[in-house]
Protein backbone atom coordinates (compact mmCIF):
# COMPACT_ATOMS: atom_id res chain seq x y z
CA MET A 1 -158.88 23.01 51.88
CA THR A 2 -161.50 23.24 49.17
CA THR A 3 -162.85 26.48 47.79
CA PRO A 4 -166.61 26.94 48.20
CA THR A 5 -168.62 26.97 44.98
CA LYS A 6 -170.79 29.99 44.36
CA ILE A 7 -174.51 29.43 43.93
CA HIS A 8 -175.72 31.22 40.81
CA ARG A 9 -179.21 32.70 40.59
CA ARG A 10 -181.53 31.22 37.95
CA LEU A 11 -184.52 33.07 36.53
CA GLN A 12 -187.24 32.32 33.99
CA GLY A 13 -188.48 34.82 31.45
CA THR A 14 -189.71 35.41 27.91
CA VAL A 15 -187.39 36.11 24.99
CA VAL A 16 -188.31 39.52 23.53
CA SER A 17 -185.36 39.89 21.13
CA ASN A 18 -182.84 37.58 19.48
CA LYS A 19 -181.53 39.90 16.77
CA MET A 20 -178.03 40.31 18.24
CA ALA A 21 -175.24 37.82 17.57
CA LYS A 22 -175.04 35.28 20.44
CA THR A 23 -177.24 37.48 22.66
CA ILE A 24 -180.91 37.35 23.65
CA VAL A 25 -183.00 39.84 25.61
CA VAL A 26 -185.19 38.20 28.26
CA ARG A 27 -188.09 39.93 30.02
CA ILE A 28 -188.53 38.86 33.65
CA ASP A 29 -192.01 39.59 35.07
CA ARG A 30 -192.71 39.68 38.79
CA ARG A 31 -195.86 40.49 40.77
CA VAL A 32 -195.45 42.97 43.61
CA ALA A 33 -197.93 44.25 46.17
CA HIS A 34 -198.23 48.00 46.64
CA ALA A 35 -196.78 49.00 50.01
CA LYS A 36 -199.76 51.07 51.15
CA TYR A 37 -202.80 49.79 49.24
CA GLY A 38 -201.92 46.12 48.79
CA LYS A 39 -202.93 45.98 45.11
CA TYR A 40 -200.77 43.65 43.03
CA PHE A 41 -199.13 44.90 39.86
CA THR A 42 -196.56 43.53 37.44
CA LEU A 43 -193.00 44.84 37.23
CA SER A 44 -190.78 43.71 34.39
CA THR A 45 -187.02 43.77 33.90
CA LYS A 46 -185.13 43.17 30.67
CA LEU A 47 -181.83 41.28 30.91
CA LYS A 48 -179.31 40.43 28.19
CA ALA A 49 -178.15 36.82 28.19
CA HIS A 50 -175.43 34.97 26.27
CA ASP A 51 -176.80 32.35 23.84
CA GLU A 52 -173.78 30.70 22.21
CA LYS A 53 -175.70 28.43 19.81
CA GLY A 54 -178.63 30.73 19.06
CA ALA A 55 -181.12 28.13 20.33
CA ALA A 56 -183.63 30.54 21.89
CA LYS A 57 -186.37 31.87 19.63
CA LEU A 58 -188.62 34.90 19.99
CA GLY A 59 -191.45 34.25 22.48
CA ASP A 60 -189.83 31.20 24.13
CA VAL A 61 -189.91 30.90 27.91
CA VAL A 62 -186.27 30.32 28.87
CA GLU A 63 -184.16 29.78 31.97
CA ILE A 64 -181.07 31.99 32.44
CA GLU A 65 -178.27 31.80 34.99
CA GLU A 66 -176.11 34.50 36.52
CA THR A 67 -172.46 34.45 35.43
CA ARG A 68 -169.45 36.74 35.28
CA HIS A 69 -169.68 39.87 33.10
CA LEU A 70 -169.30 38.97 29.44
CA SER A 71 -169.72 42.56 28.24
CA LYS A 72 -170.88 45.90 29.62
CA ASP A 73 -174.56 44.83 29.85
CA LYS A 74 -174.38 41.04 29.72
CA CYS A 75 -173.88 39.00 32.91
CA TRP A 76 -176.39 36.17 32.34
CA LYS A 77 -176.22 33.03 30.21
CA TYR A 78 -178.90 30.96 28.52
CA VAL A 79 -179.43 27.56 30.19
CA SER A 80 -182.47 25.92 28.60
CA THR A 81 -185.84 26.44 26.97
CA VAL A 82 -188.70 25.77 29.36
CA LYS A 83 -191.56 26.26 26.87
CA GLN A 84 -191.41 26.92 23.14
CA ALA A 85 -193.36 29.79 21.56
CA GLN A 86 -196.59 29.09 19.68
CA ALA A 87 -196.16 29.17 15.91
């Protein structure tokens, strides 16, 4: 009998801070329609992600993946850079 593998969520967002050791803060933006009026507006969420090598730079669009809790606030890990920030 094999154990089923868990599918981890992956999200894309923009790095807004990389000042912590091995940690980045990623802002995830999503567009949502108002329930009554139908107007679209942007909601954003900030998530802390583990970046072992410090590869992500400020302003980069990165992909993060859900993982086990690594600290009180950190349960995501850095996977790859989708688009580098403009210099």
